[in-house]
Amino acid sequence: QVQLVESGGGLVQAGGSLRLSCAASGSIFRVNAMGWYRQAPGAQRELVALITSSGFTNYADSMKGRCTISRDNAKNTVYLQMNSLRPEDTAVYYCNANCISTALSDLDVWGQGTLVTVSS
């Protein structure tokens, strides 16, 4: 029905930057909120940043001032620009989208995850 494909993860040194992208495709009528979550080894998945279809944003306290979430509604794509990365930012980053399918079903969709590793 609806798929999310993430890209942009990788290995970066502490203090460096990465930009993650996530594109939604499939039987989409409308994409509502989109967000990024992360899960470190042995930890629970946590919100990193969220953006609504109108552009309202919300950030985890740990990421405020260090990342910016944005979206291109025409491309159903969300971006996460992360700066001043720290080793504790190492995690698998997951894209999430709340969508309305063409069958008018309310869907909560997750991407497959992309690994971000920050070396000290």
N, C-alpha and C. Protein backbone atom coordinates (compact mmCIF):
# COMPACT_ATOMS: atom_id res chain seq x y z
N GLN A 1 0.83 -1.21 0.00
CA GLN A 1 0.00 0.00 0.00
C GLN A 1 0.86 1.25 0.00
N VAL A 2 1.46 1.55 1.15
CA VAL A 2 2.32 2.72 1.27
C VAL A 2 3.67 2.27 1.82
N GLN A 3 4.73 2.73 1.19
CA GLN A 3 6.06 2.36 1.63
C GLN A 3 6.87 3.63 1.91
N LEU A 4 7.80 3.49 2.85
CA LEU A 4 8.74 4.56 3.17
C LEU A 4 10.15 4.05 2.88
N VAL A 5 10.90 4.82 2.13
CA VAL A 5 12.27 4.44 1.81
C VAL A 5 13.20 5.52 2.34
N GLU A 6 14.09 5.11 3.24
CA GLU A 6 15.02 6.04 3.88
C GLU A 6 16.39 5.97 3.23
N SER A 7 17.12 7.05 3.34
CA SER A 7 18.50 7.08 2.87
C SER A 7 19.26 8.14 3.64
N GLY A 8 20.59 8.04 3.59
CA GLY A 8 21.42 9.09 4.18
C GLY A 8 22.16 8.72 5.43
N GLY A 9 21.92 7.55 5.98
CA GLY A 9 22.66 7.15 7.17
C GLY A 9 24.11 6.82 6.83
N GLY A 10 24.88 6.58 7.87
CA GLY A 10 26.27 6.23 7.66
C GLY A 10 27.13 6.51 8.86
N LEU A 11 28.43 6.51 8.64
CA LEU A 11 29.42 6.74 9.69
C LEU A 11 29.93 8.18 9.60
N VAL A 12 29.93 8.85 10.73
CA VAL A 12 30.41 10.23 10.77
C VAL A 12 31.17 10.45 12.08
N GLN A 13 32.13 11.34 12.04
CA GLN A 13 32.87 11.65 13.26
C GLN A 13 32.07 12.60 14.13
N ALA A 14 32.35 12.57 15.41
CA ALA A 14 31.70 13.49 16.34
C ALA A 14 31.91 14.93 15.87
N GLY A 15 30.83 15.69 15.94
CA GLY A 15 30.86 17.06 15.45
C GLY A 15 30.44 17.22 14.01
N GLY A 16 30.30 16.11 13.32
CA GLY A 16 29.93 16.13 11.92
C GLY A 16 28.44 16.23 11.70
N SER A 17 28.05 16.17 10.43
CA SER A 17 26.66 16.34 10.04
C SER A 17 26.22 15.20 9.12
N LEU A 18 24.93 14.94 9.14
CA LEU A 18 24.30 13.99 8.22
C LEU A 18 22.92 14.52 7.87
N ARG A 19 22.48 14.16 6.67
CA ARG A 19 21.13 14.49 6.24
C ARG A 19 20.42 13.21 5.85
N LEU A 20 19.33 12.93 6.54
CA LEU A 20 18.51 11.76 6.23
C LEU A 20 17.33 12.18 5.37
N SER A 21 16.95 11.27 4.48
CA SER A 21 15.78 11.51 3.63
C SER A 21 14.85 10.31 3.73
N CYS A 22 13.57 10.57 3.55
CA CYS A 22 12.58 9.51 3.58
C CYS A 22 11.46 9.87 2.61
N ALA A 23 11.24 9.00 1.64
CA ALA A 23 10.21 9.24 0.63
C ALA A 23 9.09 8.23 0.79
N ALA A 24 7.87 8.74 0.78
CA ALA A 24 6.69 7.88 0.84
C ALA A 24 6.18 7.64 -0.58
N SER A 25 5.78 6.41 -0.83
CA SER A 25 5.24 6.08 -2.15
C SER A 25 4.18 5.02 -2.02
N GLY A 26 3.41 4.84 -3.09
CA GLY A 26 2.36 3.84 -3.08
C GLY A 26 0.99 4.47 -3.23
N SER A 27 0.01 3.82 -2.64
CA SER A 27 -1.39 4.25 -2.77
C SER A 27 -1.71 5.33 -1.75
N ILE A 28 -1.17 6.52 -2.01
CA ILE A 28 -1.30 7.62 -1.07
C ILE A 28 -2.37 8.61 -1.52
N PHE A 29 -3.28 8.88 -0.62
CA PHE A 29 -4.23 9.98 -0.84
C PHE A 29 -3.69 11.25 -0.20
N ARG A 30 -3.21 11.11 1.02
CA ARG A 30 -2.64 12.26 1.72
C ARG A 30 -1.64 11.77 2.77
N VAL A 31 -0.55 12.52 2.92
CA VAL A 31 0.40 12.27 3.99
C VAL A 31 0.21 13.34 5.06
N ASN A 32 -0.06 12.92 6.26
CA ASN A 32 -0.23 13.86 7.37
C ASN A 32 1.12 14.09 8.05
N ALA A 33 1.22 13.83 9.33
CA ALA A 33 2.48 14.05 10.03
C ALA A 33 3.53 13.05 9.58
N MET A 34 4.76 13.54 9.53
CA MET A 34 5.92 12.68 9.26
C MET A 34 6.94 12.92 10.35
N GLY A 35 7.69 11.91 10.68
CA GLY A 35 8.65 12.08 11.75
C GLY A 35 9.82 11.13 11.66
N TRP A 36 10.79 11.41 12.50
CA TRP A 36 11.96 10.55 12.64
C TRP A 36 12.06 10.09 14.09
N TYR A 37 12.31 8.81 14.23
CA TYR A 37 12.53 8.19 15.53
C TYR A 37 13.89 7.49 15.48
N ARG A 38 14.39 7.16 16.65
CA ARG A 38 15.65 6.41 16.67
C ARG A 38 15.63 5.39 17.79
N GLN A 39 16.43 4.35 17.59
CA GLN A 39 16.53 3.31 18.61
C GLN A 39 17.98 2.88 18.71
N ALA A 40 18.54 3.14 19.87
CA ALA A 40 19.91 2.72 20.16
C ALA A 40 19.88 1.31 20.72
N PRO A 41 21.01 0.60 20.65
CA PRO A 41 21.04 -0.77 21.19
C PRO A 41 20.63 -0.81 22.65
N GLY A 42 19.70 -1.69 22.96
CA GLY A 42 19.25 -1.85 24.33
C GLY A 42 18.30 -0.78 24.83
N ALA A 43 17.94 0.14 23.95
CA ALA A 43 17.06 1.24 24.36
C ALA A 43 15.73 1.17 23.62
N GLN A 44 14.77 1.92 24.12
CA GLN A 44 13.48 2.00 23.45
C GLN A 44 13.55 3.00 22.29
N ARG A 45 12.65 2.82 21.35
CA ARG A 45 12.56 3.77 20.25
C ARG A 45 12.04 5.10 20.79
N GLU A 46 12.66 6.19 20.34
CA GLU A 46 12.27 7.51 20.83
C GLU A 46 12.13 8.49 19.69
N LEU A 47 11.29 9.48 19.92
CA LEU A 47 11.07 10.51 18.91
C LEU A 47 12.31 11.39 18.80
N VAL A 48 12.67 11.71 17.56
CA VAL A 48 13.72 12.69 17.30
C VAL A 48 13.09 14.02 16.88
N ALA A 49 12.22 13.95 15.88
CA ALA A 49 11.58 15.17 15.39
C ALA A 49 10.32 14.80 14.61
N LEU A 50 9.37 15.73 14.58
CA LEU A 50 8.09 15.50 13.94
C LEU A 50 7.71 16.76 13.18
N ILE A 51 7.05 16.59 12.03
CA ILE A 51 6.56 17.74 11.28
C ILE A 51 5.18 17.42 10.72
N THR A 52 4.25 18.33 10.90
CA THR A 52 2.91 18.13 10.38
C THR A 52 2.85 18.57 8.91
N SER A 53 1.72 18.30 8.28
CA SER A 53 1.56 18.68 6.88
C SER A 53 1.58 20.19 6.70
N SER A 54 1.25 20.92 7.75
CA SER A 54 1.25 22.38 7.67
C SER A 54 2.59 22.99 8.08
N GLY A 55 3.53 22.13 8.51
CA GLY A 55 4.86 22.61 8.82
C GLY A 55 5.17 22.81 10.30
N PHE A 56 4.23 22.50 11.18
CA PHE A 56 4.51 22.59 12.61
C PHE A 56 5.52 21.51 12.97
N THR A 57 6.53 21.89 13.77
CA THR A 57 7.59 20.95 14.12
C THR A 57 7.69 20.76 15.62
N ASN A 58 8.20 19.60 16.00
CA ASN A 58 8.44 19.28 17.40
C ASN A 58 9.73 18.47 17.46
N TYR A 59 10.58 18.81 18.43
CA TYR A 59 11.88 18.16 18.54
C TYR A 59 12.07 17.56 19.93
N ALA A 60 12.81 16.46 19.99
CA ALA A 60 13.24 15.94 21.27
C ALA A 60 14.20 16.95 21.90
N ASP A 61 14.15 17.05 23.21
CA ASP A 61 15.02 18.00 23.89
C ASP A 61 16.49 17.76 23.55
N SER A 62 16.86 16.50 23.42
CA SER A 62 18.27 16.16 23.17
C SER A 62 18.75 16.62 21.79
N MET A 63 17.80 16.91 20.89
CA MET A 63 18.17 17.28 19.53
C MET A 63 17.88 18.74 19.20
N LYS A 64 17.24 19.46 20.09
CA LYS A 64 16.92 20.87 19.82
C LYS A 64 18.20 21.67 19.60
N GLY A 65 18.20 22.44 18.53
CA GLY A 65 19.36 23.25 18.19
C GLY A 65 20.40 22.51 17.39
N ARG A 66 20.25 21.19 17.26
CA ARG A 66 21.22 20.41 16.51
C ARG A 66 20.64 19.76 15.28
N CYS A 67 19.32 19.79 15.13
CA CYS A 67 18.74 19.19 13.94
C CYS A 67 17.56 20.01 13.44
N THR A 68 17.27 19.83 12.17
CA THR A 68 16.14 20.50 11.54
C THR A 68 15.38 19.50 10.70
N ILE A 69 14.07 19.40 10.94
CA ILE A 69 13.22 18.55 10.12
C ILE A 69 12.49 19.42 9.11
N SER A 70 12.37 18.92 7.90
CA SER A 70 11.66 19.65 6.85
C SER A 70 10.99 18.64 5.94
N ARG A 71 10.11 19.12 5.07
CA ARG A 71 9.43 18.21 4.17
C ARG A 71 9.11 18.90 2.86
N ASP A 72 8.98 18.07 1.84
CA ASP A 72 8.55 18.52 0.52
C ASP A 72 7.23 17.80 0.26
N ASN A 73 6.14 18.50 0.43
CA ASN A 73 4.83 17.85 0.30
C ASN A 73 4.58 17.36 -1.13
N ALA A 74 5.13 18.04 -2.11
CA ALA A 74 4.93 17.63 -3.49
C ALA A 74 5.59 16.28 -3.77
N LYS A 75 6.66 15.99 -3.01
CA LYS A 75 7.39 14.74 -3.20
C LYS A 75 7.10 13.72 -2.10
N ASN A 76 6.22 14.08 -1.16
CA ASN A 76 5.94 13.21 -0.01
C ASN A 76 7.23 12.75 0.66
N THR A 77 8.13 13.70 0.84
CA THR A 77 9.46 13.39 1.37
C THR A 77 9.75 14.25 2.60
N VAL A 78 10.36 13.62 3.59
CA VAL A 78 10.77 14.32 4.80
C VAL A 78 12.28 14.20 4.94
N TYR A 79 12.87 15.25 5.47
CA TYR A 79 14.32 15.32 5.64
C TYR A 79 14.66 15.59 7.11
N LEU A 80 15.83 15.11 7.51
CA LEU A 80 16.34 15.42 8.84
C LEU A 80 17.80 15.81 8.71
N GLN A 81 18.08 17.07 8.91
CA GLN A 81 19.45 17.57 8.90
C GLN A 81 19.97 17.55 10.33
N MET A 82 21.02 16.80 10.57
CA MET A 82 21.59 16.68 11.91
C MET A 82 23.01 17.24 11.92
N ASN A 83 23.26 18.12 12.86
CA ASN A 83 24.58 18.75 12.99
C ASN A 83 25.15 18.49 14.38
N SER A 84 26.41 18.77 14.53
CA SER A 84 27.08 18.61 15.83
C SER A 84 26.77 17.25 16.44
N LEU A 85 26.90 16.23 15.64
CA LEU A 85 26.55 14.88 16.09
C LEU A 85 27.49 14.40 17.19
N ARG A 86 26.93 13.62 18.09
CA ARG A 86 27.64 13.08 19.24
C ARG A 86 27.60 11.57 19.20
N PRO A 87 28.54 10.90 19.85
CA PRO A 87 28.50 9.42 19.87
C PRO A 87 27.17 8.88 20.40
N GLU A 88 26.56 9.59 21.32
CA GLU A 88 25.27 9.12 21.86
C GLU A 88 24.12 9.25 20.87
N ASP A 89 24.36 9.87 19.73
CA ASP A 89 23.34 9.92 18.68
C ASP A 89 23.35 8.65 17.83
N THR A 90 24.31 7.76 18.08
CA THR A 90 24.39 6.51 17.34
C THR A 90 23.14 5.68 17.58
N ALA A 91 22.48 5.29 16.49
CA ALA A 91 21.22 4.55 16.58
C ALA A 91 20.76 4.20 15.18
N VAL A 92 19.74 3.36 15.13
CA VAL A 92 19.01 3.16 13.88
C VAL A 92 17.90 4.21 13.85
N TYR A 93 17.85 4.97 12.79
CA TYR A 93 16.87 6.03 12.64
C TYR A 93 15.74 5.54 11.73
N TYR A 94 14.52 5.69 12.21
CA TYR A 94 13.34 5.22 11.49
C TYR A 94 12.48 6.39 11.08
N CYS A 95 12.01 6.34 9.86
CA CYS A 95 11.04 7.32 9.38
C CYS A 95 9.63 6.80 9.67
N ASN A 96 8.74 7.70 9.99
CA ASN A 96 7.34 7.35 10.25
C ASN A 96 6.44 8.34 9.56
N ALA A 97 5.33 7.84 9.04
CA ALA A 97 4.36 8.72 8.41
C ALA A 97 2.95 8.26 8.72
N ASN A 98 2.11 9.22 9.00
CA ASN A 98 0.68 8.94 9.12
C ASN A 98 0.04 9.31 7.79
N CYS A 99 -0.56 8.35 7.13
CA CYS A 99 -1.06 8.55 5.77
C CYS A 99 -2.52 8.16 5.68
N ILE A 100 -3.17 8.74 4.69
CA ILE A 100 -4.49 8.29 4.26
C ILE A 100 -4.29 7.63 2.90
N SER A 101 -4.66 6.37 2.79
CA SER A 101 -4.49 5.67 1.52
C SER A 101 -5.59 6.07 0.54
N THR A 102 -5.41 5.63 -0.69
CA THR A 102 -6.44 5.90 -1.70
C THR A 102 -7.73 5.18 -1.40
N ALA A 103 -7.66 4.16 -0.55
CA ALA A 103 -8.87 3.48 -0.08
C ALA A 103 -9.43 4.16 1.17
N LEU A 104 -8.86 5.30 1.50
CA LEU A 104 -9.28 6.12 2.64
C LEU A 104 -9.08 5.41 3.97
N SER A 105 -8.02 4.58 4.02
CA SER A 105 -7.63 3.96 5.28
C SER A 105 -6.58 4.83 5.95
N ASP A 106 -6.65 4.89 7.27
CA ASP A 106 -5.67 5.63 8.06
C ASP A 106 -4.51 4.68 8.35
N LEU A 107 -3.33 5.02 7.87
CA LEU A 107 -2.18 4.13 8.01
C LEU A 107 -1.07 4.79 8.81
N ASP A 108 -0.42 4.01 9.65
CA ASP A 108 0.78 4.44 10.35
C ASP A 108 1.92 3.59 9.79
N VAL A 109 2.80 4.21 9.04
CA VAL A 109 3.79 3.47 8.26
C VAL A 109 5.19 3.76 8.78
N TRP A 110 6.00 2.71 8.82
CA TRP A 110 7.40 2.82 9.25
C TRP A 110 8.34 2.44 8.12
N GLY A 111 9.47 3.10 8.07
CA GLY A 111 10.53 2.72 7.16
C GLY A 111 11.34 1.58 7.75
N GLN A 112 12.30 1.12 6.97
CA GLN A 112 13.09 -0.04 7.39
C GLN A 112 14.22 0.34 8.34
N GLY A 113 14.49 1.63 8.44
CA GLY A 113 15.55 2.10 9.33
C GLY A 113 16.86 2.30 8.62
N THR A 114 17.59 3.30 9.06
CA THR A 114 18.92 3.56 8.52
C THR A 114 19.87 3.81 9.69
N LEU A 115 21.02 3.17 9.64
CA LEU A 115 21.96 3.22 10.76
C LEU A 115 22.81 4.48 10.69
N VAL A 116 22.85 5.18 11.81
CA VAL A 116 23.73 6.33 11.97
C VAL A 116 24.74 5.98 13.06
N THR A 117 26.01 6.04 12.73
CA THR A 117 27.07 5.74 13.68
C THR A 117 27.96 6.96 13.81
N VAL A 118 28.11 7.45 15.04
CA VAL A 118 28.94 8.62 15.29
C VAL A 118 30.16 8.17 16.09
N SER A 119 31.32 8.32 15.53
CA SER A 119 32.55 7.90 16.19
C SER A 119 33.15 9.05 16.99
N SER A 120 33.79 8.68 18.09
CA SER A 120 34.38 9.71 18.96
C SER A 120 35.81 10.02 18.56
